[in-house]
Protein backbone atom coordinates (compact mmCIF):
# COMPACT_ATOMS: atom_id res chain seq x y z
CA UNK A 1 6.79 21.21 46.38
CA UNK A 2 7.22 18.03 44.57
CA UNK A 3 9.23 18.41 41.11
CA UNK A 4 7.14 17.00 37.80
CA UNK A 5 8.54 15.07 35.86
CA UNK A 6 7.90 14.13 31.89
CA UNK A 7 8.99 11.39 29.66
CA UNK A 8 11.21 12.27 26.64
CA UNK A 9 10.90 10.63 22.99
CA UNK A 10 13.48 8.00 23.88
CA UNK A 11 11.60 7.33 27.17
CA UNK A 12 13.92 8.53 30.02
CA UNK A 13 12.34 10.99 32.48
CA UNK A 14 13.10 13.55 33.69
CA UNK A 15 13.05 16.33 35.23
CA UNK A 16 10.23 19.06 33.77
CA UNK A 17 12.42 22.81 32.45
CA UNK A 18 9.36 24.69 32.10
CA UNK A 19 12.14 27.55 31.17
CA UNK A 20 13.68 25.18 28.10
CA UNK A 21 10.10 25.56 26.89
CA UNK A 22 9.50 29.06 27.42
CA UNK A 23 12.95 29.74 25.77
CA UNK A 24 11.79 26.93 22.74
CA UNK A 25 8.73 29.49 22.73
CA UNK A 26 9.96 32.90 22.23
CA UNK A 27 12.56 31.19 19.39
CA UNK A 28 8.86 30.41 17.51
CA UNK A 29 9.06 34.38 17.34
CA UNK A 30 5.81 34.77 19.24
CA UNK A 31 5.59 37.70 21.66
CA UNK A 32 5.57 36.98 25.17
CA UNK A 33 1.97 37.64 25.57
CA UNK A 34 1.00 34.82 23.77
CA UNK A 35 4.11 32.99 25.20
CA UNK A 36 2.59 32.99 28.81
CA UNK A 37 -0.81 32.24 27.88
CA UNK A 38 0.72 29.22 26.12
CA UNK A 39 2.17 28.72 29.43
CA UNK A 40 -0.26 28.80 31.25
CA UNK A 41 -2.45 26.66 29.22
CA UNK A 42 0.17 24.11 29.06
CA UNK A 43 0.68 24.12 33.03
CA UNK A 44 -3.02 23.45 33.60
CA UNK A 45 -2.87 20.15 31.80
CA UNK A 46 0.65 18.91 33.19
CA UNK A 47 1.02 15.81 34.61
CA UNK A 48 3.76 13.73 36.22
CA UNK A 49 5.43 11.73 33.51
CA UNK A 50 3.68 13.49 30.74
CA UNK A 51 5.24 12.68 27.59
CA UNK A 52 7.13 15.47 25.85
CA UNK A 53 5.77 14.73 22.51
CA UNK A 54 2.03 15.59 24.16
CA UNK A 55 3.70 18.62 25.39
CA UNK A 56 5.07 19.95 22.63
CA UNK A 57 1.68 19.31 20.55
CA UNK A 58 -0.30 20.71 23.24
CA UNK A 59 2.21 24.23 22.52
CA UNK A 60 2.06 23.70 18.40
CA UNK A 61 -1.90 23.30 18.31
CA UNK A 62 -2.15 26.68 21.43
CA UNK A 63 0.72 28.85 18.81
CA UNK A 64 -1.47 27.82 15.62
CA UNK A 65 -4.88 29.74 17.05
CA UNK A 66 -2.50 32.21 17.46
CA UNK A 67 -0.45 32.50 14.89
CA UNK A 68 0.66 30.43 11.80
CA UNK A 69 4.03 31.42 11.17
CA UNK A 70 5.23 30.84 15.24
CA UNK A 71 4.02 27.62 15.21
CA UNK A 72 5.48 26.47 11.60
CA UNK A 73 8.93 27.93 13.37
CA UNK A 74 8.19 25.98 16.50
CA UNK A 75 7.39 23.16 14.43
CA UNK A 76 10.74 23.26 12.82
CA UNK A 77 12.82 19.94 13.84
CA UNK A 78 9.64 17.68 13.22
CA UNK A 79 9.76 19.66 9.81
CA UNK A 80 13.13 18.53 8.97
CA UNK A 81 12.31 14.87 9.62
CA UNK A 82 9.94 15.27 6.77
CA UNK A 83 12.29 15.68 3.96
CA UNK A 84 12.51 12.17 3.56
CA UNK A 85 12.29 9.19 3.51
CA UNK A 86 15.48 9.02 2.03
CA UNK A 87 16.86 11.71 2.35
CA UNK A 88 17.32 13.00 -0.27
CA UNK A 89 15.27 16.82 0.23
CA UNK A 90 17.54 17.31 3.70
CA UNK A 91 20.95 16.93 1.23
CA UNK A 92 19.02 19.60 -1.35
CA UNK A 93 18.20 21.90 1.45
CA UNK A 94 21.34 21.96 3.59
CA UNK A 95 22.71 22.84 -0.03
CA UNK A 96 20.61 25.45 0.19
CA UNK A 97 21.72 26.55 3.07
CA UNK A 98 25.17 27.17 2.40
CA UNK A 99 24.66 29.13 -0.49
CA UNK A 100 22.79 31.16 0.95
CA UNK A 101 24.97 32.21 3.19
CA UNK A 102 27.92 32.59 0.52
CA UNK A 103 29.14 29.13 -0.64
CA UNK A 104 29.43 27.68 -4.15
CA UNK A 105 27.47 24.14 -4.52
CA UNK A 106 27.27 21.35 -6.11
CA UNK A 107 25.36 17.64 -5.03
CA UNK A 108 25.27 14.06 -5.34
CA UNK A 109 28.89 13.71 -6.22
CA UNK A 110 30.45 10.42 -7.47
CA UNK A 111 34.09 11.50 -7.08
CA UNK A 112 37.52 8.67 -7.70
CA UNK A 113 39.47 8.72 -4.41
CA UNK A 114 42.97 7.57 -4.56
CA UNK A 115 41.99 4.02 -4.09
CA UNK A 116 37.95 3.27 -4.97
CA UNK A 117 35.06 5.92 -6.07
CA UNK A 118 33.32 7.70 -3.49
CA UNK A 119 29.70 9.28 -3.14
CA UNK A 120 29.89 12.84 -1.81
CA UNK A 121 26.18 14.22 -0.60
CA UNK A 122 27.50 18.00 -1.50
CA UNK A 123 30.47 19.82 -2.09
CA UNK A 124 31.42 23.33 -0.88
CA UNK A 125 33.34 25.98 -2.24
CA UNK A 126 34.04 29.36 -0.98
CA UNK A 127 37.92 31.26 -1.31
CA UNK A 128 40.22 28.67 -1.06
CA UNK A 129 38.41 26.29 0.87
CA UNK A 130 36.91 23.03 -0.53
CA UNK A 131 34.61 21.15 1.88
CA UNK A 132 32.49 17.57 1.32
CA UNK A 133 29.58 17.42 3.39
CA UNK A 134 28.43 14.00 4.87
CA UNK A 135 24.42 14.12 5.35
CA UNK A 136 22.54 11.88 8.07
CA UNK A 137 19.00 12.41 8.30
CA UNK A 138 17.05 10.36 10.10
CA UNK A 139 13.19 10.51 9.87
CA UNK A 140 13.19 9.24 13.61
CA UNK A 141 13.30 11.66 16.71
CA UNK A 142 15.15 8.67 18.90
CA UNK A 143 17.94 7.84 15.86
CA UNK A 144 21.55 9.35 16.42
CA UNK A 145 24.27 9.14 14.55
CA UNK A 146 27.10 7.10 16.25
CA UNK A 147 30.72 6.97 16.22
CA UNK A 148 30.73 4.26 13.40
CA UNK A 149 29.73 7.24 10.70
CA UNK A 150 32.91 9.65 12.02
CA UNK A 151 35.01 6.44 11.22
CA UNK A 152 34.23 5.63 8.00
CA UNK A 153 33.70 9.01 6.64
CA UNK A 154 36.90 10.14 7.49
CA UNK A 155 38.45 7.10 5.92
CA UNK A 156 36.47 8.45 2.73
CA UNK A 157 37.87 11.57 3.36
CA UNK A 158 41.43 10.60 3.54
CA UNK A 159 41.08 9.19 0.57
CA UNK A 160 39.14 11.54 -1.78
CA UNK A 161 41.82 14.60 -0.53
CA UNK A 162 45.37 13.23 -1.55
CA UNK A 163 43.74 13.64 -4.99
CA UNK A 164 42.55 16.83 -7.28
CA UNK A 165 39.30 16.54 -7.59
CA UNK A 166 37.05 18.47 -10.81
CA UNK A 167 33.96 19.89 -9.12
CA UNK A 168 34.64 23.64 -9.41
CA UNK A 169 37.88 24.03 -11.67
CA UNK A 170 39.61 21.61 -12.86
CA UNK A 171 41.93 20.74 -10.12
CA UNK A 172 40.18 21.02 -6.68
CA UNK A 173 41.83 19.35 -3.66
CA UNK A 174 39.26 18.72 -0.85
CA UNK A 175 40.84 20.01 2.57
CA UNK A 176 37.50 20.00 4.55
CA UNK A 177 35.08 17.37 5.84
CA UNK A 178 31.39 18.38 7.51
CA UNK A 179 28.59 15.70 8.93
CA UNK A 180 25.29 16.91 8.83
CA UNK A 181 22.81 15.69 10.69
CA UNK A 182 18.73 17.27 11.68
CA UNK A 183 19.46 15.05 14.61
CA UNK A 184 21.88 14.46 16.80
CA UNK A 185 25.46 12.79 17.73
CA UNK A 186 26.15 10.26 20.43
CA UNK A 187 28.88 11.36 23.12
CA UNK A 188 31.58 8.93 21.43
CA UNK A 189 30.58 9.93 17.88
CA UNK A 190 31.76 13.86 18.51
CA UNK A 191 34.88 12.79 20.51
CA UNK A 192 36.02 10.80 17.35
CA UNK A 193 34.91 13.78 15.27
CA UNK A 194 36.90 16.46 16.94
CA UNK A 195 40.33 14.50 17.73
CA UNK A 196 39.94 13.48 13.91
CA UNK A 197 39.87 16.94 12.73
CA UNK A 198 35.84 16.60 11.34
CA UNK A 199 32.92 19.11 11.90
CA UNK A 200 30.56 18.10 12.60
CA UNK A 201 26.54 20.20 12.56
CA UNK A 202 23.32 19.01 14.05
CA UNK A 203 19.98 20.36 16.08
CA UNK A 204 22.88 21.43 19.00
CA UNK A 205 25.87 21.77 17.27
CA UNK A 206 28.06 23.25 17.37
CA UNK A 207 27.03 25.64 20.47
CA UNK A 208 27.39 28.62 19.06
CA UNK A 209 26.47 28.28 15.65
CA UNK A 210 23.73 25.28 15.97
CA UNK A 211 21.15 23.56 12.24
CA UNK A 212 18.53 24.96 14.41
CA UNK A 213 20.76 28.60 14.40
CA UNK A 214 21.98 28.44 11.13
CA UNK A 215 18.00 28.37 9.32
CA UNK A 216 16.41 31.25 11.60
CA UNK A 217 19.17 33.30 10.27
CA UNK A 218 18.62 32.70 6.85
CA UNK A 219 15.63 32.30 6.78
CA UNK A 220 15.06 29.50 4.88
CA UNK A 221 12.39 27.14 5.98
CA UNK A 222 11.32 24.32 4.81
CA UNK A 223 8.40 24.12 3.14
CA UNK A 224 7.52 20.81 5.57
CA UNK A 225 7.27 23.99 8.04
CA UNK A 226 4.31 25.49 7.03
CA UNK A 227 1.22 24.49 8.62
CA UNK A 228 -1.25 26.16 6.01
CA UNK A 229 -1.40 23.08 3.84
CA UNK A 230 -1.56 19.25 4.33
CA UNK A 231 0.56 16.41 4.68
CA UNK A 232 0.26 15.31 1.02
CA UNK A 233 0.06 18.84 -0.03
CA UNK A 234 3.76 19.09 0.50
CA UNK A 235 4.68 15.67 -0.25
CA UNK A 236 3.01 16.99 -4.14
CA UNK A 237 5.62 20.03 -3.74
CA UNK A 238 8.54 18.00 -2.71
CA UNK A 239 8.39 16.29 -5.79
CA UNK A 240 8.07 19.29 -7.88
CA UNK A 241 11.42 20.39 -6.50
CA UNK A 242 9.66 22.58 -4.12
CA UNK A 243 11.94 22.37 -0.80
CA UNK A 244 12.08 25.86 0.59
CA UNK A 245 8.77 28.00 1.65
CA UNK A 246 9.93 31.02 0.48
CA UNK A 247 9.63 29.26 -3.33
CA UNK A 248 6.10 29.54 -3.12
CA UNK A 249 6.15 32.65 -3.27
CA UNK A 250 6.50 32.81 -6.91
CA UNK A 251 4.29 29.87 -7.42
CA UNK A 252 0.50 30.48 -7.17
CA UNK A 253 0.42 28.67 -10.29
CA UNK A 254 1.61 25.83 -8.88
CA UNK A 255 -0.41 25.66 -6.08
CA UNK A 256 -3.70 25.42 -7.94
CA UNK A 257 -2.06 22.69 -10.37
CA UNK A 258 -2.52 20.84 -6.65
CA UNK A 259 -5.66 21.99 -6.14
CA UNK A 260 -5.42 24.54 -3.40
CA UNK A 261 -8.01 26.79 -3.50
CA UNK A 262 -7.69 30.35 -4.07
CA UNK A 263 -8.93 31.46 -0.43
CA UNK A 264 -5.79 28.53 0.97
CA UNK A 265 -3.60 30.45 -1.03
CA UNK A 266 -4.05 33.53 -0.04
CA UNK A 267 -3.59 32.18 4.20
CA UNK A 268 -0.44 30.15 2.38
CA UNK A 269 0.77 33.33 1.18
CA UNK A 270 0.58 34.95 4.85
CA UNK A 271 2.23 32.35 6.66
CA UNK A 272 5.45 32.34 4.28
CA UNK A 273 5.42 35.78 4.11
CA UNK A 274 5.32 36.27 8.16
CA UNK A 275 7.91 33.09 7.88
CA UNK A 276 10.06 34.14 6.00
CA UNK A 277 10.63 37.86 6.19
C-alpha cells in the first residue's frame, strides 16, 4: 500500500502520520468516540500531497460540530498567532502563565546594564531566582527563531546580570535568562542556547514541559482560542486587556458593550467554562 504524502506549512512533502493527528485530537479534550468519528471523516477526504493546513481545517470544523471547547483547544497554536500584531499581548500572556505557577512578574521594563540600557519583556522572581524573559512572537507558522536571537540576547543578559536592578526589590541580580517563542527554534539556535546556558521555551521545547503543556496544565487559554466569538470581537477584547478566556467569566457587561447578544453570551460562557475548568 502506498504511503499518503502531505504538504507541510513550510512546503516540505512528508509522509502522513495518522497517529500524530490522532494524538493532537485527543489532546484537545475530545473523547475517543469523537476522535474516531473525526478521523474516519478526514480519511475519506485525503488525497496525495494534501496540505496539512487543509487537514487542520477539516479537523477543526469537524470538532466544532461536536464540541466548541475541544475545537478551541485544537486551535491553540493558531490562537497564539493572533496575539499580535507585534506580540504585545503575547508578552502579557506569558507573564500571566508564569504568575499562575507561582512567580512574581513584571513586564515591559527598561533596565540599565553595565554598558547600555535594555528593554526587557518580562521579569520573573521565585525564591532567589530572578529571570529575564525575551519573547519572540511570530504571526506566521513558517517563521523560526534563528541562532542570531540567542546570540544577541546572551550579550544583553551578560550586560544586565553584572549590575543590581531595582525590579522587585532594591538590589535584584538577574541570574537566569529564558527565551520564549510561540513557534519553534532553529537547530543552531537550540545548540547555541544550550551551550551558552540560556533556556528555551517554545511550542515543542523543552520536551518534558513545552509551552503547549504549560498552557494545558494551567488552563490559561488565550481569549483568541474561543470559537463562539468573531475575529473582530477578539480584537476588541484584547484592546480592553481581556487576554485570557477565563477573564470573561466576570465580564458579561463587557461582552454586552461590544454588541454581543444575551443568547450568544450564554454560549460563550458555556465554552469558557468547558475550556477552563
